Each structure stands twice: as structure tokens, then as C-alpha cells.
Amino acid sequence: MANDYPDGFRRLLPGHTVDLTSGFARPWYIGETLNIAAGNYSTYTINITDPDSIYYIDVVNVSPQAYTEFGVRVFINSIPYVAEGCIGFAHIPMRVNPSLLLIYGDVIVVEVTNYDASLRQFLVKVHGTKIAKPEGFGHVPGAYFTSLYHTVDVLVPSYFDDGSTFTPTSWDWDWKDGSVHSTSQNVWHVFTIPGSYYPVLKAINAYGYDTYAEQVPVVCNASLVPSIWNEYDPFTHIVPNVYSVVLTTYQSDHAGYVYCDCIGREIHGFLTHSKLEVTLMQASSRHCFMKFGNSLGNETDEIVGSVGIEIRPTGGHNNLLLRAYLPSGAFQDEYVDIPVDGTPLYLRMHHPSYSDTVSLAIYSDAGFTTLLDLLTITNDAFKTMTYRYVYLTRAWGTILTGQITAVFTPGAFNYV
């Protein structure tokens, strides 16, 4: 049988009692007068306490009882749906397709701001339609999520945080990259192919589902360029350009480097291509040109370890080294007698994910077809190591007592 609730609707004629079957529609109205001081705002809150009905909002009317400026915002369950600036009167239609529906426990808030120089009375009226709620009816989820990063690199995980409303019980993430869907609530995802992606979240509960995609894509890059990297060089010996880094070191004891901080998406596997041109090299000079490490301090102090390309004169020879500093010690392989007259070497450094080996292939041509040497170092620590920093140039400590001039040009830089 019909019940009365304090929502503004009453059956005024005695004897006209009806059975409210599912879908039976009735109008509803509720309102209040707000006294708002000049420059202030006030809110009118409606709590839906009727367990037997579904409520739709048709229109919100606000009148300051004078021709003056004011602002109105309408919130449904703390979510802002309308924001308007008005003069004299506000008539705000709220019925959309699909229409906003409210059930027991939902909240409507009408916020009114008085722009007048005097206190004003504002009459707030909310009109709508309600129907008898069917058995087992409830809110479909409102799907929503946020992305930790909107720019990521290939094979570097990115985090997606579910923010859906109305308590979904299951989730379906479509990454739009051809990969298998994820079903966890909050999830890390790895994009394997560079491109722009619009992931879609489907939030599901017993009453139905909703989908959501951000308006801004997640852009997945395959390479990094030195122009976007950070620089620390107190003696201006390092000059980063758009496509290269020029290094000139002198007898000194200082640290200078151009680096990328990858905190939050640390590197494991990598594949780099680069060109190295050395035009001056003196005894005892030493420098690294592409280094993966975990500290901005001395590389020998890195707890996790580091690995990369170095050059160093040894026993009258100018050598190119693939060298790692690990907690268990230093390991290296080297290519003897590199050219120091500006003749370029083309380098391909590779560490497959979960591999125990890092390799450095040295070529004489830009097409990477004529192999001069292949350097490798192997250690179980490489299987699990991750790197927070990538250095394009780096000079450290008292061992750097000679002089070197070089141009280092990174090519494709991929996470693999």
C-alpha cells in the first residue's frame, strides 16, 4: 500500500489510496529559503530517506527575490553536476539521457553564492519525478579511474587506480593495445608497443555495469633524448644538445653528468644504440658515457650496482670498457685501442629482462653491420637489478686526472 514520506508529495483527497506497483510514477517537490549574507554562500541538502522509490530530478529553481547576481552549483553524492552564474532567477534542467536517478541513502546539495552587496533571501526549489522501486533495484557503478602516468616508456609499468562509485564487485580493464584484459581493481600495466592508448575500465556489480575512459591518452614512448634530461655540471665541461652530448674534461676532481631520474618506473631490461667520437685522450683520463645506476653519488658506493660504457687508457692503450660495479665487486670486458682522432664507433648495449648477461656490440658503421668486437659481462645479480638513474655522461673522483674530448650521440633507447 502507498506510504507517505517527507518529500513534499501528499495525497490530499481521503479515500484515494493506491497500490504502488513497480513503475508507478508520481511528482515530488521540496524547497527551502536560504538567508545568505553579501559575498557568502549557503547550501540546501536533501537526503533521500525513502526506501521504496527511485527519484529523478527534473529541474532546480533558485530565486534571490530580487534582480541580482548569484551562483548555483548542484552536487549529487558529492559529485558536481551543474555550475552556473545567474541574474534574477535560475531555472536549471537536470533531466538528461540517461537521467540521474537517486535511491535511499543518496544526497543532493544545492549550493548558492550571493554576489550581491546586501543580504538576500534565496528560495530554492527542487522538482522531480519518483517511481516505485522494483525488487532488487540498486545503483549501477559509476566507472572512474586515474592514471599515475600519462607518459610512459615501453615495458615500464604504469599504475591505474580505480575510483568507481557505488561499490563495483568486479573490474575489466581493456588496455586497447591488444593485450589480455586485467581484472584486478587497481593494476599495473606494461605497454609493449609505442603509441597513444585510451584504456577503458568496465566496473560491474549486481545491478549492471558502467565504462570509463580518460580524455587524455597514455602516451607510450620507445626512446629518450638528452634534451629532456637533467644536468649536473659545476664546471661546464658537459654541453647537452638536442641529439648529442659534448664532453671536455680537464685535470680535476669533480662529478659532472647528464642524467634521467626514472624513480617510480625503474629500468630493468634495456637496449641502447649510440655513437662515440673521441678527439683527444691523455693518460689517466677516464669517463663513462652510458651508465645505468642507482645513486647520484660515487658509483662505487652504489648498493644495488651499476653497469655501462667507459673509456680509459691502460698500459699505453686507449680502451673501451663494458664495466659493472656490483656489491660483489667490479666486472668488465674491454675493447683495446679505440680511435682517438674523431673516428666514430657505433655501440649497441643490451640487457634482456631477467638475463644474467649484459653485452656491448661495437660497430664501425652507422648501419650496425660491421662488428668490431662483442663485449659481455655475466653475473646473477643482473637478473634482478633495477636502475633508478641513466647517465649519458659521468666523471668521478681522483682517477680522472687526464684530459678527454668526446661527442656522444644516443640513438634508439628502448626498454626490453
Protein backbone atom coordinates (compact mmCIF):
# COMPACT_ATOMS: atom_id res chain seq x y z
CA MET A 1 0.00 0.00 0.00
CA ALA A 2 1.04 3.59 -0.51
CA ASN A 3 3.18 5.26 2.14
CA ASP A 4 3.80 8.96 2.74
CA TYR A 5 7.38 10.24 3.09
CA PRO A 6 8.56 13.77 3.91
CA ASP A 7 9.44 14.61 0.32
CA GLY A 8 6.84 17.27 -0.42
CA PHE A 9 4.24 14.95 -2.01
CA ARG A 10 0.94 14.28 -0.24
CA ARG A 11 -2.31 12.55 -1.14
CA LEU A 12 -4.75 15.31 -0.18
CA LEU A 13 -8.02 13.55 -1.04
CA PRO A 14 -9.17 10.97 1.53
CA GLY A 15 -10.06 7.55 0.23
CA HIS A 16 -7.77 7.67 -2.80
CA THR A 17 -5.25 5.02 -1.66
CA VAL A 18 -3.47 3.09 -4.46
CA ASP A 19 -1.10 0.15 -4.74
CA LEU A 20 2.27 1.48 -5.87
CA THR A 21 3.28 -1.20 -8.35
CA SER A 22 6.71 -1.16 -9.96
CA GLY A 23 7.00 1.83 -12.30
CA PHE A 24 4.14 3.83 -10.75
CA ALA A 25 5.16 7.48 -11.26
CA ARG A 26 4.44 10.48 -9.01
CA PRO A 27 5.72 14.06 -8.92
CA TRP A 28 7.80 15.27 -5.98
CA TYR A 29 8.85 18.71 -4.83
CA ILE A 30 10.83 20.09 -1.91
CA GLY A 31 12.25 23.51 -1.15
CA GLU A 32 13.66 25.91 1.39
CA THR A 33 14.55 29.59 1.84
CA LEU A 34 18.23 30.46 2.42
CA ASN A 35 19.32 33.74 4.02
CA ILE A 36 22.78 34.49 2.61
CA ALA A 37 24.98 37.43 3.59
CA ALA A 38 26.75 39.54 0.96
CA GLY A 39 29.61 37.65 -0.69
CA ASN A 40 28.85 34.40 1.15
CA TYR A 41 27.29 31.10 0.21
CA SER A 42 24.94 28.56 1.78
CA THR A 43 23.76 25.06 0.94
CA TYR A 44 20.46 23.24 0.88
CA THR A 45 20.82 19.49 1.42
CA ILE A 46 18.26 16.81 0.54
CA ASN A 47 18.80 13.32 1.95
CA ILE A 48 16.84 10.58 0.22
CA THR A 49 15.31 8.55 3.06
CA ASP A 50 12.55 6.76 1.13
CA PRO A 51 13.46 3.05 0.69
CA ASP A 52 10.59 2.31 -1.71
CA SER A 53 11.12 4.82 -4.54
CA ILE A 54 13.51 5.85 -7.31
CA TYR A 55 13.89 9.63 -7.59
CA TYR A 56 14.62 11.69 -10.71
CA ILE A 57 15.48 15.39 -10.60
CA ASP A 58 13.67 17.34 -13.32
CA VAL A 59 14.64 20.93 -12.52
CA VAL A 60 16.27 23.09 -9.86
CA ASN A 61 14.90 26.63 -9.43
CA VAL A 62 16.63 29.35 -7.41
CA SER A 63 15.30 32.89 -6.90
CA PRO A 64 17.02 35.66 -4.86
CA GLN A 65 13.70 37.53 -4.59
CA ALA A 66 15.48 40.43 -6.30
CA TYR A 67 17.18 41.16 -9.62
CA THR A 68 20.76 40.45 -8.59
CA GLU A 69 23.71 38.21 -9.48
CA PHE A 70 24.32 34.88 -7.81
CA GLY A 71 25.91 31.49 -8.49
CA VAL A 72 24.48 27.97 -8.22
CA ARG A 73 26.18 24.60 -8.00
CA VAL A 74 24.37 21.26 -7.73
CA PHE A 75 26.08 18.19 -6.28
CA ILE A 76 24.82 14.60 -6.42
CA ASN A 77 26.60 12.39 -3.87
CA SER A 78 29.40 14.98 -3.65
CA ILE A 79 29.92 14.99 -7.44
CA PRO A 80 29.39 18.44 -9.07
CA TYR A 81 26.92 18.20 -11.95
CA VAL A 82 25.95 21.85 -12.59
CA ALA A 83 27.67 25.20 -12.07
CA GLU A 84 26.01 28.38 -13.34
CA GLY A 85 26.21 32.13 -12.91
CA CYS A 86 22.75 33.72 -12.88
CA ILE A 87 20.92 37.06 -12.69
CA GLY A 88 17.45 37.39 -11.17
CA PHE A 89 16.36 33.76 -11.46
CA ALA A 90 17.84 30.30 -12.13
CA HIS A 91 15.96 27.56 -13.97
CA ILE A 92 18.35 24.58 -14.25
CA PRO A 93 17.07 21.49 -16.13
CA MET A 94 18.52 18.31 -14.64
CA ARG A 95 16.88 15.60 -16.76
CA VAL A 96 19.43 14.17 -19.16
CA ASN A 97 19.73 10.92 -21.04
CA PRO A 98 20.50 8.79 -19.14
CA SER A 99 18.70 10.57 -16.32
CA LEU A 100 20.19 10.97 -12.87
CA LEU A 101 18.46 8.60 -10.51
CA LEU A 102 18.64 8.58 -6.75
CA ILE A 103 17.62 5.98 -4.19
CA TYR A 104 17.76 5.57 -0.41
CA GLY A 105 20.99 6.99 1.02
CA ASP A 106 21.75 9.39 -1.85
CA VAL A 107 22.25 13.11 -1.23
CA ILE A 108 21.51 16.25 -3.28
CA VAL A 109 23.20 19.52 -2.35
CA VAL A 110 22.28 22.89 -3.90
CA GLU A 111 24.97 25.49 -3.17
CA VAL A 112 24.04 29.15 -3.68
CA THR A 113 26.55 32.04 -3.62
CA ASN A 114 25.31 35.62 -3.09
CA TYR A 115 27.28 38.08 -5.28
CA ASP A 116 25.13 41.00 -4.11
CA ALA A 117 26.41 43.69 -1.73
CA SER A 118 23.48 43.02 0.62
CA LEU A 119 21.99 40.06 2.45
CA ARG A 120 19.48 38.27 0.25
CA GLN A 121 16.83 35.60 0.65
CA PHE A 122 17.07 32.81 -1.90
CA LEU A 123 14.13 30.47 -2.50
CA VAL A 124 15.46 27.05 -3.57
CA LYS A 125 13.05 24.56 -5.15
CA VAL A 126 13.84 21.06 -6.44
CA HIS A 127 11.21 19.37 -8.64
CA GLY A 128 11.21 15.83 -9.95
CA THR A 129 9.50 12.53 -10.56
CA LYS A 130 9.66 9.37 -8.50
CA ILE A 131 8.60 5.83 -9.28
CA ALA A 132 8.01 2.77 -7.12
CA LYS A 133 11.29 0.89 -6.86
CA PRO A 134 11.29 -2.70 -8.22
CA GLU A 135 12.56 -5.51 -6.03
CA GLY A 136 16.36 -5.87 -6.08
CA PHE A 137 16.98 -2.48 -7.70
CA GLY A 138 20.22 -0.64 -6.89
CA HIS A 139 22.87 1.66 -8.30
CA VAL A 140 24.93 0.60 -11.29
CA PRO A 141 28.59 1.54 -10.66
CA GLY A 142 29.92 4.86 -11.87
CA ALA A 143 33.16 3.76 -13.53
CA TYR A 144 36.17 6.02 -12.99
CA PHE A 145 39.96 5.71 -12.67
CA THR A 146 43.13 7.79 -12.62
CA SER A 147 46.49 7.09 -14.29
CA LEU A 148 49.72 7.53 -12.37
CA TYR A 149 51.50 8.47 -15.62
CA HIS A 150 50.22 9.78 -18.93
CA THR A 151 53.67 9.47 -20.48
CA VAL A 152 55.40 6.11 -20.07
CA ASP A 153 58.16 4.12 -21.76
CA VAL A 154 57.97 0.75 -23.44
CA LEU A 155 57.97 -2.13 -20.93
CA VAL A 156 57.94 0.22 -17.93
CA PRO A 157 54.89 -0.48 -15.71
CA SER A 158 52.26 2.25 -15.27
CA TYR A 159 49.74 2.29 -12.40
CA PHE A 160 45.96 2.66 -12.79
CA ASP A 161 43.85 3.41 -9.69
CA ASP A 162 40.13 2.57 -9.61
CA GLY A 163 37.89 5.35 -8.31
CA SER A 164 34.48 3.95 -9.32
CA THR A 165 31.41 4.79 -7.23
CA PHE A 166 28.59 2.58 -5.93
CA THR A 167 30.78 -0.36 -4.95
CA PRO A 168 31.67 -2.41 -8.01
CA THR A 169 32.40 -6.06 -7.29
CA SER A 170 34.45 -6.81 -10.40
CA TRP A 171 36.53 -4.89 -12.92
CA ASP A 172 37.55 -5.33 -16.55
CA TRP A 173 40.47 -3.27 -17.93
CA ASP A 174 40.73 -3.08 -21.72
CA TRP A 175 44.16 -1.57 -22.47
CA LYS A 176 43.40 -1.05 -26.19
CA ASP A 177 46.84 -2.42 -27.08
CA GLY A 178 45.81 -5.97 -27.95
CA SER A 179 46.96 -7.40 -24.61
CA VAL A 180 44.96 -9.60 -22.25
CA HIS A 181 42.39 -7.74 -20.13
CA SER A 182 43.09 -7.24 -16.41
CA THR A 183 40.50 -7.98 -13.72
CA SER A 184 42.10 -6.53 -10.58
CA GLN A 185 40.67 -3.38 -9.01
CA ASN A 186 43.93 -1.42 -9.07
CA VAL A 187 46.52 -2.60 -11.52
CA TRP A 188 49.96 -2.05 -13.06
CA HIS A 189 50.11 -2.40 -16.84
CA VAL A 190 53.02 -2.61 -19.26
CA PHE A 191 52.65 -1.29 -22.82
CA THR A 192 54.89 -3.17 -25.24
CA ILE A 193 54.39 -1.07 -28.37
CA PRO A 194 54.91 2.72 -28.59
CA GLY A 195 51.74 4.70 -29.27
CA SER A 196 48.79 6.56 -27.72
CA TYR A 197 46.26 4.49 -25.79
CA TYR A 198 42.86 5.15 -24.21
CA PRO A 199 42.37 2.34 -21.64
CA VAL A 200 38.74 1.55 -20.79
CA LEU A 201 37.57 0.42 -17.35
CA LYS A 202 34.35 -1.57 -17.04
CA ALA A 203 33.09 -1.53 -13.44
CA ILE A 204 30.49 -4.17 -12.60
CA ASN A 205 28.15 -5.02 -9.73
CA ALA A 206 24.91 -6.97 -9.26
CA TYR A 207 22.84 -4.18 -10.83
CA GLY A 208 24.82 -3.67 -14.04
CA TYR A 209 27.99 -2.04 -15.31
CA ASP A 210 29.47 1.25 -16.47
CA THR A 211 32.54 2.07 -18.59
CA TYR A 212 35.02 4.94 -18.43
CA ALA A 213 37.98 6.19 -20.48
CA GLU A 214 40.08 9.28 -19.78
CA GLN A 215 40.00 12.11 -22.29
CA VAL A 216 43.80 12.30 -22.20
CA PRO A 217 45.64 9.30 -23.68
CA VAL A 218 48.50 7.36 -22.15
CA VAL A 219 51.42 8.01 -24.49
CA CYS A 220 53.99 5.22 -24.62
CA ASN A 221 57.47 6.22 -25.81
CA ALA A 222 60.21 3.95 -27.10
CA SER A 223 63.16 6.29 -26.65
CA LEU A 224 64.60 9.09 -24.55
CA VAL A 225 66.56 12.10 -25.84
CA PRO A 226 69.20 14.08 -23.95
CA SER A 227 67.37 17.40 -24.36
CA ILE A 228 64.82 16.36 -21.71
CA TRP A 229 67.37 15.10 -19.20
CA ASN A 230 68.67 16.78 -16.08
CA GLU A 231 72.18 18.19 -15.86
CA TYR A 232 74.70 18.45 -13.06
CA ASP A 233 77.97 20.00 -14.21
CA PRO A 234 79.52 22.59 -11.86
CA PHE A 235 82.47 23.24 -14.20
CA THR A 236 80.54 23.43 -17.52
CA HIS A 237 82.50 20.61 -19.10
CA ILE A 238 79.33 18.94 -20.43
CA VAL A 239 77.19 20.51 -23.16
CA PRO A 240 73.93 18.68 -23.93
CA ASN A 241 72.49 19.40 -27.38
CA VAL A 242 69.28 18.14 -28.95
CA TYR A 243 70.86 14.95 -30.31
CA SER A 244 74.26 14.70 -28.62
CA VAL A 245 76.34 15.45 -25.55
CA VAL A 246 79.78 17.06 -25.87
CA LEU A 247 82.28 16.40 -23.10
CA THR A 248 85.59 18.12 -22.38
CA THR A 249 87.23 17.20 -19.07
CA TYR A 250 90.43 18.53 -17.62
CA GLN A 251 92.56 17.59 -14.66
CA SER A 252 90.07 17.88 -11.88
CA ASP A 253 88.26 16.01 -9.16
CA HIS A 254 84.56 16.63 -9.67
CA ALA A 255 81.38 14.95 -10.79
CA GLY A 256 79.61 16.05 -13.95
CA TYR A 257 76.76 14.29 -15.68
CA VAL A 258 73.57 14.48 -17.68
CA TYR A 259 71.02 12.05 -16.26
CA CYS A 260 67.44 10.83 -16.26
CA ASP A 261 65.75 10.05 -12.94
CA CYS A 262 63.42 7.10 -13.51
CA ILE A 263 62.07 6.87 -9.95
CA GLY A 264 58.62 5.29 -9.87
CA ARG A 265 59.29 3.35 -13.08
CA GLU A 266 62.74 1.91 -12.62
CA ILE A 267 64.55 0.30 -15.54
CA HIS A 268 65.38 -3.40 -15.74
CA GLY A 269 65.95 -4.55 -19.32
CA PHE A 270 67.28 -2.09 -21.91
CA LEU A 271 68.62 -1.81 -25.45
CA THR A 272 70.60 1.32 -26.41
CA HIS A 273 72.20 2.47 -29.64
CA SER A 274 74.74 5.30 -29.66
CA LYS A 275 77.74 6.84 -31.41
CA LEU A 276 81.01 7.79 -29.68
CA GLU A 277 83.60 10.16 -31.20
CA VAL A 278 86.79 10.73 -29.15
CA THR A 279 89.09 13.50 -30.39
CA LEU A 280 91.56 13.90 -27.51
CA MET A 281 92.66 11.47 -24.87
CA GLN A 282 95.53 11.71 -22.38
CA ALA A 283 96.96 9.19 -19.98
CA SER A 284 94.93 8.51 -16.83
CA SER A 285 91.72 10.07 -18.19
CA ARG A 286 88.54 8.12 -17.62
CA HIS A 287 84.86 8.66 -18.27
CA CYS A 288 81.61 6.75 -18.64
CA PHE A 289 79.18 7.62 -21.44
CA MET A 290 76.08 5.49 -20.92
CA LYS A 291 75.61 4.26 -17.38
CA PHE A 292 72.69 2.66 -15.57
CA GLY A 293 72.93 3.19 -11.82
CA ASN A 294 71.11 3.68 -8.53
CA SER A 295 72.80 6.70 -6.97
CA LEU A 296 73.77 10.28 -7.74
CA GLY A 297 76.84 9.77 -5.56
CA ASN A 298 80.06 7.88 -6.27
CA GLU A 299 79.29 4.89 -8.47
CA THR A 300 81.50 2.60 -6.37
CA ASP A 301 79.19 3.29 -3.42
CA GLU A 302 76.00 2.17 -5.16
CA ILE A 303 74.35 -0.52 -3.07
CA VAL A 304 72.38 -2.12 -5.91
CA GLY A 305 75.02 -1.66 -8.59
CA SER A 306 75.67 0.00 -11.94
CA VAL A 307 76.62 -1.03 -15.45
CA GLY A 308 77.62 0.86 -18.58
CA ILE A 309 80.19 2.07 -21.09
CA GLU A 310 83.51 3.61 -20.02
CA ILE A 311 86.74 4.68 -21.74
CA ARG A 312 90.10 4.58 -20.02
CA PRO A 313 93.80 4.48 -21.01
CA THR A 314 95.56 1.38 -19.63
CA GLY A 315 99.18 0.38 -20.27
CA GLY A 316 99.58 2.72 -23.21
CA HIS A 317 96.31 1.64 -24.82
CA ASN A 318 93.05 3.61 -25.08
CA ASN A 319 90.35 1.11 -24.19
CA LEU A 320 86.56 0.99 -24.34
CA LEU A 321 85.08 -0.90 -21.38
CA LEU A 322 81.77 -2.57 -20.59
CA ARG A 323 82.02 -2.31 -16.81
CA ALA A 324 79.75 -3.11 -13.85
CA TYR A 325 80.06 -2.15 -10.19
CA LEU A 326 78.20 -4.71 -8.08
CA PRO A 327 78.13 -5.39 -4.32
CA SER A 328 80.28 -8.45 -5.00
CA GLY A 329 82.90 -6.40 -6.89
CA ALA A 330 83.68 -4.82 -10.26
CA PHE A 331 83.47 -6.76 -13.54
CA GLN A 332 84.47 -5.71 -17.03
CA ASP A 333 85.26 -6.66 -20.60
CA GLU A 334 87.19 -4.31 -22.87
CA TYR A 335 87.94 -3.36 -26.46
CA VAL A 336 91.57 -2.29 -26.86
CA ASP A 337 92.86 0.73 -28.80
CA ILE A 338 89.80 2.73 -29.68
CA PRO A 339 90.38 5.57 -32.19
CA VAL A 340 91.04 9.00 -30.65
CA ASP A 341 91.09 11.03 -33.88
CA GLY A 342 87.33 11.53 -34.08
CA THR A 343 86.61 8.31 -35.98
CA PRO A 344 83.20 7.21 -34.71
CA LEU A 345 82.34 3.95 -33.04
CA TYR A 346 78.74 2.72 -33.07
CA LEU A 347 77.62 0.99 -29.89
CA ARG A 348 74.75 -1.36 -29.10
CA MET A 349 74.36 -2.16 -25.39
CA HIS A 350 71.77 -4.77 -24.45
CA HIS A 351 70.43 -6.31 -21.25
CA PRO A 352 67.38 -8.53 -21.82
CA SER A 353 64.96 -8.56 -18.88
CA TYR A 354 65.77 -11.29 -16.32
CA SER A 355 69.03 -12.15 -18.11
CA ASP A 356 72.33 -12.60 -16.26
CA THR A 357 74.33 -11.05 -19.13
CA VAL A 358 74.92 -7.52 -20.41
CA SER A 359 76.52 -7.16 -23.86
CA LEU A 360 78.13 -4.32 -25.80
CA ALA A 361 78.46 -4.77 -29.57
CA ILE A 362 80.93 -2.34 -31.21
CA TYR A 363 80.49 -1.49 -34.89
CA SER A 364 82.42 0.65 -37.36
CA ASP A 365 79.39 1.81 -39.35
CA ALA A 366 76.11 3.57 -38.68
CA GLY A 367 74.18 0.65 -40.15
CA PHE A 368 75.46 -1.64 -37.37
CA THR A 369 76.64 -4.23 -39.91
CA THR A 370 80.44 -4.40 -39.45
CA LEU A 371 81.13 -5.81 -35.99
CA LEU A 372 84.48 -4.90 -34.46
CA ASP A 373 84.04 -6.63 -31.11
CA LEU A 374 81.42 -8.01 -28.73
CA LEU A 375 81.95 -7.39 -25.02
CA THR A 376 79.96 -9.31 -22.39
CA ILE A 377 79.81 -9.48 -18.60
CA THR A 378 77.77 -12.08 -16.75
CA ASN A 379 76.56 -12.13 -13.16
CA ASP A 380 73.44 -13.49 -11.41
CA ALA A 381 72.83 -10.02 -9.93
CA PHE A 382 71.78 -8.75 -13.39
CA LYS A 383 68.70 -11.00 -13.29
CA THR A 384 67.01 -8.86 -10.63
CA MET A 385 68.77 -5.49 -10.79
CA THR A 386 66.80 -2.34 -11.48
CA TYR A 387 68.22 1.09 -12.18
CA ARG A 388 66.92 4.43 -10.98
CA TYR A 389 69.24 6.68 -13.00
CA VAL A 390 70.52 6.65 -16.56
CA TYR A 391 73.62 8.75 -17.27
CA LEU A 392 74.69 9.97 -20.67
CA THR A 393 77.98 11.24 -19.26
CA ARG A 394 79.58 10.84 -15.88
CA ALA A 395 83.00 11.65 -14.40
CA TRP A 396 84.08 10.78 -10.89
CA GLY A 397 86.85 11.16 -8.38
CA THR A 398 90.61 11.33 -8.29
CA ILE A 399 91.06 8.74 -11.03
CA LEU A 400 90.08 11.44 -13.55
CA THR A 401 93.47 13.18 -13.86
CA GLY A 402 93.91 13.36 -17.64
CA GLN A 403 92.02 15.08 -20.42
CA ILE A 404 89.43 13.87 -22.89
CA THR A 405 87.18 15.45 -25.51
CA ALA A 406 84.31 13.41 -26.94
CA VAL A 407 80.87 13.64 -28.56
CA PHE A 408 78.31 11.05 -27.50
CA THR A 409 75.15 10.73 -29.62
CA PRO A 410 72.39 8.47 -28.25
CA GLY A 411 70.18 6.73 -30.78
CA ALA A 412 67.20 4.49 -30.08
CA PHE A 413 66.84 3.83 -26.36
CA ASN A 414 64.42 1.01 -25.64
CA TYR A 415 63.25 -0.91 -22.59
CA VAL A 416 63.20 -4.62 -23.36
